[in-house]
Every structure is written in C-alpha cells, then in structure tokens.
C-alpha cells in the first residue's frame, strides 16, 4: 500500500456518505496519516439575493454545516483545527485546500449522475482532473 502523510476528506456531510468517511479513517489509520476534513457550502445564485433573507439563508447553511462538521470531527477524532467549512464552489475550494495544506491524497465521494459525471459526480470529476496529488473516489448511494 502506498504511504500517505496528509489526507484531505471532502465530505458532503450527509449520512449516505458514511462509506467515504469510513474509507478515509481506515486509510489515515493504516498509513498513520493526518486527516483533514473539508465541506463547502455553495453560494446561492445571484438572483437569490433579490429576495429578502438570502444572506441569512446562506449564513444559516454555513452554521448548520459547521455544526455537522463538529459532530463528524468528534466521530472521526479530527480536531477542530483540521476541520474546514467554507462557502464557494466546492471543486475550487477542495483543490485550493489540497494545495495550501500540501496533502498527498484527496478522498471524495461519488454518486454520479450523467456521462463521466455518472461515473464520478461533477465535483469528484473536477477534483480528479484538477488535483496535483492522488485522488480516491469512494462510490456510495444517495
């Protein structure tokens, strides 16, 4: 098995993604690698800001994601300092974080829908094609 030193787990924080979390934990323990968790809340579309409360909704989504990430951090024994919750385009933030943290493996879940995206999912496909390190996609069902 290849040895990794720092693994970035990109998670959608859903219960269905448990197999992805399990695989990340197995690999990090097996390699003795540091595990960092990342979740990105996509920005609301620009037209949503024409409606009252769009900023509040995005803040609520971020707050809920931070709470879910905290629970996942407790379950996986990943300290708060290694938990990232941000807003923005997921593929860009995952790739940026991977480079900033100098990770050598990104783990991302895949439930895919269409074409290449049917095999990987749009975020997983984008991460796979843009990453400068290894990428492991873990298949799961919604």
Protein backbone atom coordinates (compact mmCIF):
# COMPACT_ATOMS: atom_id res chain seq x y z
CA UNK A 1 0.00 0.00 0.00
CA UNK A 2 1.22 3.49 -0.82
CA UNK A 3 2.00 5.55 2.25
CA UNK A 4 0.26 8.89 2.61
CA UNK A 5 1.14 11.59 5.12
CA UNK A 6 -1.78 14.01 4.86
CA UNK A 7 -5.25 13.09 3.60
CA UNK A 8 -7.99 15.58 2.78
CA UNK A 9 -11.52 14.19 3.05
CA UNK A 10 -14.01 16.23 1.06
CA UNK A 11 -17.40 15.47 2.56
CA UNK A 12 -20.97 16.47 1.80
CA UNK A 13 -21.84 15.78 5.47
CA UNK A 14 -24.78 13.51 4.58
CA UNK A 15 -25.44 10.20 6.32
CA UNK A 16 -25.25 8.48 2.91
CA UNK A 17 -21.57 9.42 2.66
CA UNK A 18 -20.63 7.22 5.66
CA UNK A 19 -18.67 4.77 3.41
CA UNK A 20 -16.46 7.67 2.30
CA UNK A 21 -15.75 8.69 5.90
CA UNK A 22 -15.08 5.07 6.86
CA UNK A 23 -12.58 4.64 3.99
CA UNK A 24 -10.80 7.88 4.93
CA UNK A 25 -10.48 6.76 8.54
CA UNK A 26 -9.18 3.33 7.51
CA UNK A 27 -6.56 4.83 5.20
CA UNK A 28 -5.42 7.51 7.62
CA UNK A 29 -5.03 4.97 10.42
CA UNK A 30 -3.33 2.43 8.14
CA UNK A 31 -0.80 4.99 6.91
CA UNK A 32 -0.52 6.97 10.12
CA UNK A 33 -1.56 10.00 8.06
CA UNK A 34 -3.03 13.25 9.29
CA UNK A 35 -6.69 13.60 8.29
CA UNK A 36 -8.25 16.97 7.44
CA UNK A 37 -11.98 17.37 6.73
CA UNK A 38 -13.44 19.88 4.29
CA UNK A 39 -17.01 20.82 3.39
CA UNK A 40 -18.02 23.64 1.09
CA UNK A 41 -21.41 25.33 1.07
CA UNK A 42 -22.12 26.56 -2.45
CA UNK A 43 -23.01 30.23 -2.79
CA UNK A 44 -26.64 30.93 -3.52
CA UNK A 45 -27.24 32.03 -7.12
CA UNK A 46 -27.05 35.78 -7.70
CA UNK A 47 -30.77 36.03 -8.41
CA UNK A 48 -31.49 34.73 -4.90
CA UNK A 49 -30.06 37.91 -3.44
CA UNK A 50 -33.00 39.82 -4.89
CA UNK A 51 -35.15 38.13 -2.29
CA UNK A 52 -35.19 39.20 1.32
CA UNK A 53 -33.22 36.92 3.58
CA UNK A 54 -30.84 35.31 1.05
CA UNK A 55 -27.80 36.41 3.09
CA UNK A 56 -29.43 34.99 6.23
CA UNK A 57 -30.13 31.69 4.47
CA UNK A 58 -26.50 31.33 3.37
CA UNK A 59 -25.33 32.11 6.92
CA UNK A 60 -27.77 29.50 8.28
CA UNK A 61 -26.43 26.94 5.80
CA UNK A 62 -22.86 27.68 6.92
CA UNK A 63 -23.82 27.48 10.60
CA UNK A 64 -25.59 24.14 10.06
CA UNK A 65 -22.59 22.81 8.13
CA UNK A 66 -20.23 23.88 10.94
CA UNK A 67 -22.39 22.07 13.46
CA UNK A 68 -22.47 18.89 11.32
CA UNK A 69 -18.71 19.14 10.75
CA UNK A 70 -18.13 19.43 14.50
CA UNK A 71 -20.09 16.21 15.04
CA UNK A 72 -18.15 14.47 12.28
CA UNK A 73 -14.91 15.72 13.84
CA UNK A 74 -15.90 14.16 17.14
CA UNK A 75 -16.80 10.85 15.46
CA UNK A 76 -13.54 10.72 13.50
CA UNK A 77 -11.33 12.22 16.24
CA UNK A 78 -10.27 15.03 13.90
CA UNK A 79 -9.53 18.19 15.90
CA UNK A 80 -11.38 21.42 15.14
CA UNK A 81 -8.18 22.94 13.72
CA UNK A 82 -8.31 20.30 10.96
CA UNK A 83 -11.96 20.90 10.04
CA UNK A 84 -12.67 23.32 7.20
CA UNK A 85 -16.13 24.70 6.41
CA UNK A 86 -16.28 27.41 3.77
CA UNK A 87 -18.58 28.84 1.17
CA UNK A 88 -17.79 28.86 -2.54
CA UNK A 89 -17.50 26.43 -5.43
CA UNK A 90 -16.66 23.00 -3.94
CA UNK A 91 -14.23 21.86 -6.64
CA UNK A 92 -12.18 25.06 -6.41
CA UNK A 93 -12.09 25.12 -2.61
CA UNK A 94 -11.14 21.43 -2.37
CA UNK A 95 -8.28 21.88 -4.85
CA UNK A 96 -7.13 25.12 -3.18
CA UNK A 97 -7.15 23.49 0.27
CA UNK A 98 -5.27 20.45 -1.03
CA UNK A 99 -2.54 22.67 -2.41
CA UNK A 100 -2.41 25.01 0.62
CA UNK A 101 -2.17 22.05 3.02
CA UNK A 102 0.22 20.06 0.79
CA UNK A 103 -1.91 16.94 1.06
CA UNK A 104 -0.87 13.86 -0.86
CA UNK A 105 -4.33 12.28 -1.14
CA UNK A 106 -7.82 13.70 -1.59
CA UNK A 107 -10.74 11.40 -0.81
CA UNK A 108 -14.08 12.36 -2.30
CA UNK A 109 -17.41 10.57 -2.51
CA UNK A 110 -19.10 9.77 -5.77
CA UNK A 111 -22.73 9.07 -6.51
CA UNK A 112 -22.60 10.31 -10.14
CA UNK A 113 -25.44 11.09 -12.50
CA UNK A 114 -24.58 11.67 -16.23
CA UNK A 115 -21.77 10.66 -18.63
CA UNK A 116 -18.37 10.94 -16.94
CA UNK A 117 -20.30 12.57 -14.15
CA UNK A 118 -22.41 9.39 -13.97
CA UNK A 119 -19.23 7.55 -13.05
CA UNK A 120 -17.79 10.12 -10.68
CA UNK A 121 -20.14 13.01 -9.98
CA UNK A 122 -19.39 16.55 -11.09
CA UNK A 123 -17.36 17.59 -8.03
CA UNK A 124 -15.44 14.31 -7.94
CA UNK A 125 -14.69 14.54 -11.68
CA UNK A 126 -13.48 18.14 -11.35
CA UNK A 127 -11.27 17.27 -8.38
CA UNK A 128 -9.83 14.24 -10.19
CA UNK A 129 -8.92 16.26 -13.27
CA UNK A 130 -7.57 19.27 -11.37
CA UNK A 131 -5.66 17.69 -8.49
CA UNK A 132 -1.88 17.67 -8.28
CA UNK A 133 -1.97 14.72 -5.88
CA UNK A 134 -3.65 11.32 -5.77
CA UNK A 135 -7.45 11.24 -5.64
CA UNK A 136 -9.53 8.37 -4.31
CA UNK A 137 -13.21 8.33 -5.18
CA UNK A 138 -15.44 6.19 -3.00
CA UNK A 139 -18.74 5.17 -4.50
CA UNK A 140 -21.89 5.45 -2.40
CA UNK A 141 -25.63 5.52 -2.90
CA UNK A 142 -27.88 8.51 -2.11
